[in-house]
PDB file of N, CA and C in Angstrom:
ATOM      1  N   UNK A   1     -76.878-148.762-113.028  1.00  0.00           N
ATOM      2  CA  UNK A   1     -76.097-147.260-112.587  1.00  0.00           C
ATOM      3  C   UNK A   1     -74.687-147.375-112.575  1.00  0.00           C
ATOM      4  N   UNK A   2     -73.866-146.425-113.096  1.00  0.00           N
ATOM      5  CA  UNK A   2     -72.640-146.433-113.586  1.00  0.00           C
ATOM      6  C   UNK A   2     -71.902-146.117-111.850  1.00  0.00           C
ATOM      7  N   UNK A   3     -70.640-146.875-112.098  1.00  0.00           N
ATOM      8  CA  UNK A   3     -69.955-146.844-110.871  1.00  0.00           C
ATOM      9  C   UNK A   3     -69.175-145.533-110.697  1.00  0.00           C
ATOM     10  N   UNK A   4     -68.923-145.091-109.536  1.00  0.00           N
ATOM     11  CA  UNK A   4     -67.845-144.031-109.696  1.00  0.00           C
ATOM     12  C   UNK A   4     -66.448-144.331-109.776  1.00  0.00           C
ATOM     13  N   UNK A   5     -65.650-143.227-110.157  1.00  0.00           N
ATOM     14  CA  UNK A   5     -64.406-143.722-110.567  1.00  0.00           C
ATOM     15  C   UNK A   5     -63.514-144.209-109.422  1.00  0.00           C
ATOM     16  N   UNK A   6     -64.000-143.577-108.108  1.00  0.00           N
ATOM     17  CA  UNK A   6     -63.139-143.868-106.962  1.00  0.00           C
ATOM     18  C   UNK A   6     -63.199-145.473-106.401  1.00  0.00           C
ATOM     19  N   UNK A   7     -64.366-146.042-107.166  1.00  0.00           N
ATOM     20  CA  UNK A   7     -64.694-147.423-106.834  1.00  0.00           C
ATOM     21  C   UNK A   7     -64.167-148.554-107.795  1.00  0.00           C
ATOM     22  N   UNK A   8     -63.172-148.200-108.755  1.00  0.00           N
ATOM     23  CA  UNK A   8     -62.474-149.024-109.382  1.00  0.00           C
ATOM     24  C   UNK A   8     -61.315-149.688-108.776  1.00  0.00           C
ATOM     25  N   UNK A   9     -61.321-150.817-109.020  1.00  0.00           N
ATOM     26  CA  UNK A   9     -60.206-151.632-108.383  1.00  0.00           C
ATOM     27  C   UNK A   9     -58.845-152.039-109.389  1.00  0.00           C
ATOM     28  N   UNK A  10     -57.874-151.947-108.942  1.00  0.00           N
ATOM     29  CA  UNK A  10     -56.639-152.724-109.840  1.00  0.00           C
ATOM     30  C   UNK A  10     -56.535-154.159-109.909  1.00  0.00           C
ATOM     31  N   UNK A  11     -56.672-154.504-111.334  1.00  0.00           N
ATOM     32  CA  UNK A  11     -56.696-155.940-111.587  1.00  0.00           C
ATOM     33  C   UNK A  11     -58.139-156.618-112.309  1.00  0.00           C
ATOM     34  N   UNK A  12     -59.106-155.403-112.061  1.00  0.00           N
ATOM     35  CA  UNK A  12     -60.851-155.776-112.559  1.00  0.00           C
ATOM     36  C   UNK A  12     -60.718-155.136-114.052  1.00  0.00           C
ATOM     37  N   UNK A  13     -61.786-155.752-114.518  1.00  0.00           N
ATOM     38  CA  UNK A  13     -62.110-155.344-115.857  1.00  0.00           C
ATOM     39  C   UNK A  13     -63.476-154.521-115.935  1.00  0.00           C
ATOM     40  N   UNK A  14     -63.436-153.546-116.704  1.00  0.00           N
ATOM     41  CA  UNK A  14     -64.729-152.687-116.734  1.00  0.00           C
ATOM     42  C   UNK A  14     -65.195-152.441-118.281  1.00  0.00           C
ATOM     43  N   UNK A  15     -66.279-152.171-118.207  1.00  0.00           N
ATOM     44  CA  UNK A  15     -67.124-151.584-119.664  1.00  0.00           C
ATOM     45  C   UNK A  15     -67.408-150.294-119.507  1.00  0.00           C
ATOM     46  N   UNK A  16     -66.656-149.535-120.346  1.00  0.00           N
ATOM     47  CA  UNK A  16     -67.131-148.214-120.206  1.00  0.00           C
ATOM     48  C   UNK A  16     -68.000-147.363-121.451  1.00  0.00           C
ATOM     49  N   UNK A  17     -68.709-146.834-121.276  1.00  0.00           N
ATOM     50  CA  UNK A  17     -69.331-146.340-122.414  1.00  0.00           C
ATOM     51  C   UNK A  17     -69.516-144.727-122.320  1.00  0.00           C
ATOM     52  N   UNK A  18     -68.993-143.969-123.286  1.00  0.00           N
ATOM     53  CA  UNK A  18     -69.077-142.444-123.082  1.00  0.00           C
ATOM     54  C   UNK A  18     -69.160-141.912-124.762  1.00  0.00           C
ATOM     55  N   UNK A  19     -70.144-140.959-124.704  1.00  0.00           N
ATOM     56  CA  UNK A  19     -69.950-140.148-126.162  1.00  0.00           C
ATOM     57  C   UNK A  19     -70.205-141.235-127.141  1.00  0.00           C
ATOM     58  N   UNK A  20     -70.922-142.453-127.162  1.00  0.00           N
ATOM     59  CA  UNK A  20     -71.030-143.246-127.980  1.00  0.00           C
ATOM     60  C   UNK A  20     -70.079-144.234-128.431  1.00  0.00           C
ATOM     61  N   UNK A  21     -68.722-144.032-127.684  1.00  0.00           N
ATOM     62  CA  UNK A  21     -67.747-145.187-127.705  1.00  0.00           C
ATOM     63  C   UNK A  21     -67.837-146.063-126.390  1.00  0.00           C
ATOM     64  N   UNK A  22     -67.448-147.440-126.760  1.00  0.00           N
ATOM     65  CA  UNK A  22     -67.595-148.344-125.877  1.00  0.00           C
ATOM     66  C   UNK A  22     -66.286-148.960-125.878  1.00  0.00           C
ATOM     67  N   UNK A  23     -65.586-149.485-124.654  1.00  0.00           N
ATOM     68  CA  UNK A  23     -64.360-149.880-124.510  1.00  0.00           C
ATOM     69  C   UNK A  23     -64.517-150.938-123.242  1.00  0.00           C
ATOM     70  N   UNK A  24     -63.598-151.760-123.386  1.00  0.00           N
ATOM     71  CA  UNK A  24     -63.582-152.846-122.131  1.00  0.00           C
ATOM     72  C   UNK A  24     -62.128-152.487-121.648  1.00  0.00           C
ATOM     73  N   UNK A  25     -62.076-152.140-120.405  1.00  0.00           N
ATOM     74  CA  UNK A  25     -60.818-151.764-119.917  1.00  0.00           C
ATOM     75  C   UNK A  25     -60.368-152.501-118.684  1.00  0.00           C
ATOM     76  N   UNK A  26     -59.159-153.003-118.608  1.00  0.00           N
ATOM     77  CA  UNK A  26     -58.640-153.240-117.315  1.00  0.00           C
ATOM     78  C   UNK A  26     -57.885-152.550-116.827  1.00  0.00           C
ATOM     79  N   UNK A  27     -58.262-152.270-115.116  1.00  0.00           N
ATOM     80  CA  UNK A  27     -57.320-151.388-114.607  1.00  0.00           C
ATOM     81  C   UNK A  27     -55.758-151.946-114.120  1.00  0.00           C
ATOM     82  N   UNK A  28     -54.852-151.533-114.354  1.00  0.00           N
ATOM     83  CA  UNK A  28     -53.396-151.614-114.338  1.00  0.00           C
ATOM     84  C   UNK A  28     -52.885-151.129-113.079  1.00  0.00           C
ATOM     85  N   UNK A  29     -53.273-149.813-112.940  1.00  0.00           N
ATOM     86  CA  UNK A  29     -52.625-149.092-111.658  1.00  0.00           C
ATOM     87  C   UNK A  29     -53.512-147.925-111.211  1.00  0.00           C
ATOM     88  N   UNK A  30     -53.076-147.702-110.070  1.00  0.00           N
ATOM     89  CA  UNK A  30     -53.945-146.219-109.576  1.00  0.00           C
ATOM     90  C   UNK A  30     -53.102-145.273-109.597  1.00  0.00           C
ATOM     91  N   UNK A  31     -53.366-144.270-110.240  1.00  0.00           N
ATOM     92  CA  UNK A  31     -52.363-142.916-110.399  1.00  0.00           C
ATOM     93  C   UNK A  31     -52.458-141.727-109.347  1.00  0.00           C
ATOM     94  N   UNK A  32     -53.775-141.790-109.016  1.00  0.00           N
ATOM     95  CA  UNK A  32     -54.274-140.825-108.325  1.00  0.00           C
ATOM     96  C   UNK A  32     -55.613-141.001-107.747  1.00  0.00           C
ATOM     97  N   UNK A  33     -56.245-140.136-107.322  1.00  0.00           N
ATOM     98  CA  UNK A  33     -57.746-140.205-106.437  1.00  0.00           C
ATOM     99  C   UNK A  33     -58.629-140.764-107.466  1.00  0.00           C
ATOM    100  N   UNK A  34     -58.657-140.084-108.972  1.00  0.00           N
ATOM    101  CA  UNK A  34     -59.574-140.613-109.647  1.00  0.00           C
ATOM    102  C   UNK A  34     -58.809-140.871-111.082  1.00  0.00           C
ATOM    103  N   UNK A  35     -57.562-141.223-111.168  1.00  0.00           N
ATOM    104  CA  UNK A  35     -56.955-141.168-112.235  1.00  0.00           C
ATOM    105  C   UNK A  35     -56.180-142.646-112.104  1.00  0.00           C
ATOM    106  N   UNK A  36     -56.316-143.373-113.080  1.00  0.00           N
ATOM    107  CA  UNK A  36     -55.937-144.954-113.308  1.00  0.00           C
ATOM    108  C   UNK A  36     -54.950-145.007-114.559  1.00  0.00           C
ATOM    109  N   UNK A  37     -54.325-145.952-114.795  1.00  0.00           N
ATOM    110  CA  UNK A  37     -53.747-146.499-115.826  1.00  0.00           C
ATOM    111  C   UNK A  37     -54.794-147.641-116.304  1.00  0.00           C
ATOM    112  N   UNK A  38     -54.997-147.491-117.852  1.00  0.00           N
ATOM    113  CA  UNK A  38     -56.120-148.536-117.940  1.00  0.00           C
ATOM    114  C   UNK A  38     -55.458-149.238-119.326  1.00  0.00           C
ATOM    115  N   UNK A  39     -55.901-150.823-119.484  1.00  0.00           N
ATOM    116  CA  UNK A  39     -55.576-151.188-120.958  1.00  0.00           C
ATOM    117  C   UNK A  39     -56.726-151.748-121.617  1.00  0.00           C
ATOM    118  N   UNK A  40     -57.104-151.086-122.700  1.00  0.00           N
ATOM    119  CA  UNK A  40     -58.297-151.329-123.671  1.00  0.00           C
ATOM    120  C   UNK A  40     -57.953-152.928-123.997  1.00  0.00           C
ATOM    121  N   UNK A  41     -58.700-153.777-123.789  1.00  0.00           N
ATOM    122  CA  UNK A  41     -58.594-155.052-123.907  1.00  0.00           C
ATOM    123  C   UNK A  41     -59.052-155.417-125.580  1.00  0.00           C
ATOM    124  N   UNK A  42     -59.399-154.337-126.108  1.00  0.00           N
ATOM    125  CA  UNK A  42     -59.813-154.545-127.842  1.00  0.00           C
ATOM    126  C   UNK A  42     -58.634-154.570-128.790  1.00  0.00           C
ATOM    127  N   UNK A  43     -57.810-153.213-128.145  1.00  0.00           N
ATOM    128  CA  UNK A  43     -57.050-152.754-128.947  1.00  0.00           C
ATOM    129  C   UNK A  43     -55.461-153.026-128.389  1.00  0.00           C
ATOM    130  N   UNK A  44     -55.261-153.469-126.917  1.00  0.00           N
ATOM    131  CA  UNK A  44     -54.472-153.579-125.971  1.00  0.00           C
ATOM    132  C   UNK A  44     -53.357-152.070-125.965  1.00  0.00           C
ATOM    133  N   UNK A  45     -54.084-151.335-126.130  1.00  0.00           N
ATOM    134  CA  UNK A  45     -53.324-149.845-125.971  1.00  0.00           C
ATOM    135  C   UNK A  45     -53.587-149.594-124.327  1.00  0.00           C
ATOM    136  N   UNK A  46     -52.570-148.908-123.926  1.00  0.00           N
ATOM    137  CA  UNK A  46     -52.645-148.295-122.638  1.00  0.00           C
ATOM    138  C   UNK A  46     -53.016-146.839-122.536  1.00  0.00           C
ATOM    139  N   UNK A  47     -54.081-146.465-121.616  1.00  0.00           N
ATOM    140  CA  UNK A  47     -54.276-145.092-121.372  1.00  0.00           C
ATOM    141  C   UNK A  47     -54.363-144.693-120.111  1.00  0.00           C
ATOM    142  N   UNK A  48     -54.331-143.500-119.868  1.00  0.00           N
ATOM    143  CA  UNK A  48     -54.580-142.999-118.681  1.00  0.00           C
ATOM    144  C   UNK A  48     -56.149-142.637-118.577  1.00  0.00           C
ATOM    145  N   UNK A  49     -56.851-143.097-117.694  1.00  0.00           N
ATOM    146  CA  UNK A  49     -58.284-142.722-117.567  1.00  0.00           C
ATOM    147  C   UNK A  49     -58.831-141.227-117.538  1.00  0.00           C
ATOM    148  N   UNK A  50     -57.986-140.305-117.374  1.00  0.00           N
ATOM    149  CA  UNK A  50     -58.208-138.864-117.650  1.00  0.00           C
ATOM    150  C   UNK A  50     -58.104-138.689-119.201  1.00  0.00           C
ATOM    151  N   UNK A  51     -57.393-139.353-120.135  1.00  0.00           N
ATOM    152  CA  UNK A  51     -57.167-139.449-121.407  1.00  0.00           C
ATOM    153  C   UNK A  51     -58.568-139.559-122.214  1.00  0.00           C
ATOM    154  N   UNK A  52     -59.350-140.700-121.340  1.00  0.00           N
ATOM    155  CA  UNK A  52     -60.613-141.310-122.040  1.00  0.00           C
ATOM    156  C   UNK A  52     -61.797-140.333-121.661  1.00  0.00           C
ATOM    157  N   UNK A  53     -61.740-139.301-120.417  1.00  0.00           N
ATOM    158  CA  UNK A  53     -62.913-138.704-119.879  1.00  0.00           C
ATOM    159  C   UNK A  53     -62.456-137.092-120.143  1.00  0.00           C
ATOM    160  N   UNK A  54     -61.352-136.793-121.024  1.00  0.00           N
ATOM    161  CA  UNK A  54     -61.110-135.375-120.907  1.00  0.00           C
ATOM    162  C   UNK A  54     -61.982-134.395-121.689  1.00  0.00           C
ATOM    163  N   UNK A  55     -63.023-134.849-122.523  1.00  0.00           N
ATOM    164  CA  UNK A  55     -63.897-134.082-122.780  1.00  0.00           C
ATOM    165  C   UNK A  55     -65.285-134.216-122.228  1.00  0.00           C
ATOM    166  N   UNK A  56     -65.134-134.707-121.062  1.00  0.00           N
ATOM    167  CA  UNK A  56     -66.367-134.587-119.827  1.00  0.00           C
ATOM    168  C   UNK A  56     -67.117-135.845-119.987  1.00  0.00           C
ATOM    169  N   UNK A  57     -68.241-135.964-119.285  1.00  0.00           N
ATOM    170  CA  UNK A  57     -68.840-137.390-119.165  1.00  0.00           C
ATOM    171  C   UNK A  57     -70.249-137.054-119.994  1.00  0.00           C
ATOM    172  N   UNK A  58     -70.582-137.565-120.992  1.00  0.00           N
ATOM    173  CA  UNK A  58     -71.669-137.586-121.653  1.00  0.00           C
ATOM    174  C   UNK A  58     -73.113-138.220-121.207  1.00  0.00           C
ATOM    175  N   UNK A  59     -74.116-137.981-121.927  1.00  0.00           N
ATOM    176  CA  UNK A  59     -75.281-138.355-121.216  1.00  0.00           C
ATOM    177  C   UNK A  59     -75.578-139.875-121.557  1.00  0.00           C
ATOM    178  N   UNK A  60     -74.685-140.562-121.961  1.00  0.00           N
ATOM    179  CA  UNK A  60     -74.634-141.902-122.297  1.00  0.00           C
ATOM    180  C   UNK A  60     -73.838-142.480-121.366  1.00  0.00           C
ATOM    181  N   UNK A  61     -73.052-142.032-120.663  1.00  0.00           N
ATOM    182  CA  UNK A  61     -71.747-142.722-119.704  1.00  0.00           C
ATOM    183  C   UNK A  61     -72.099-143.648-119.100  1.00  0.00           C
ATOM    184  N   UNK A  62     -71.671-144.496-118.761  1.00  0.00           N
ATOM    185  CA  UNK A  62     -71.966-146.019-118.078  1.00  0.00           C
ATOM    186  C   UNK A  62     -70.586-146.721-117.642  1.00  0.00           C
ATOM    187  N   UNK A  63     -70.271-147.150-116.772  1.00  0.00           N
ATOM    188  CA  UNK A  63     -69.446-147.474-116.113  1.00  0.00           C
ATOM    189  C   UNK A  63     -69.468-148.879-115.342  1.00  0.00           C
ATOM    190  N   UNK A  64     -69.616-150.196-115.835  1.00  0.00           N
ATOM    191  CA  UNK A  64     -69.785-151.355-115.178  1.00  0.00           C
ATOM    192  C   UNK A  64     -68.930-152.306-115.093  1.00  0.00           C
ATOM    193  N   UNK A  65     -68.725-153.079-113.769  1.00  0.00           N
ATOM    194  CA  UNK A  65     -67.801-154.246-113.879  1.00  0.00           C
ATOM    195  C   UNK A  65     -68.292-155.270-114.513  1.00  0.00           C
ATOM    196  N   UNK A  66     -67.092-156.114-115.372  1.00  0.00           N
ATOM    197  CA  UNK A  66     -67.730-157.155-116.111  1.00  0.00           C
ATOM    198  C   UNK A  66     -67.203-158.358-115.549  1.00  0.00           C
ATOM    199  N   UNK A  67     -66.295-158.336-114.834  1.00  0.00           N
ATOM    200  CA  UNK A  67     -65.627-159.863-113.997  1.00  0.00           C
ATOM    201  C   UNK A  67     -65.487-159.469-112.367  1.00  0.00           C
TER     202      UNK A  67
END
């Protein structure tokens, strides 16, 4: 079962799957109620969570804590 965005915690690592893309993300900061600054652990790029979910949540959406 996927975690809700408001359950994310700063400093934790999560695995996000959405529309066939999978990413391992570390939450760096909370920017709003459901927006976070996250670092992609594979590419080391920094995004806002809203950028990753801007096209919506697909049927394969899954968000789980790794560590």
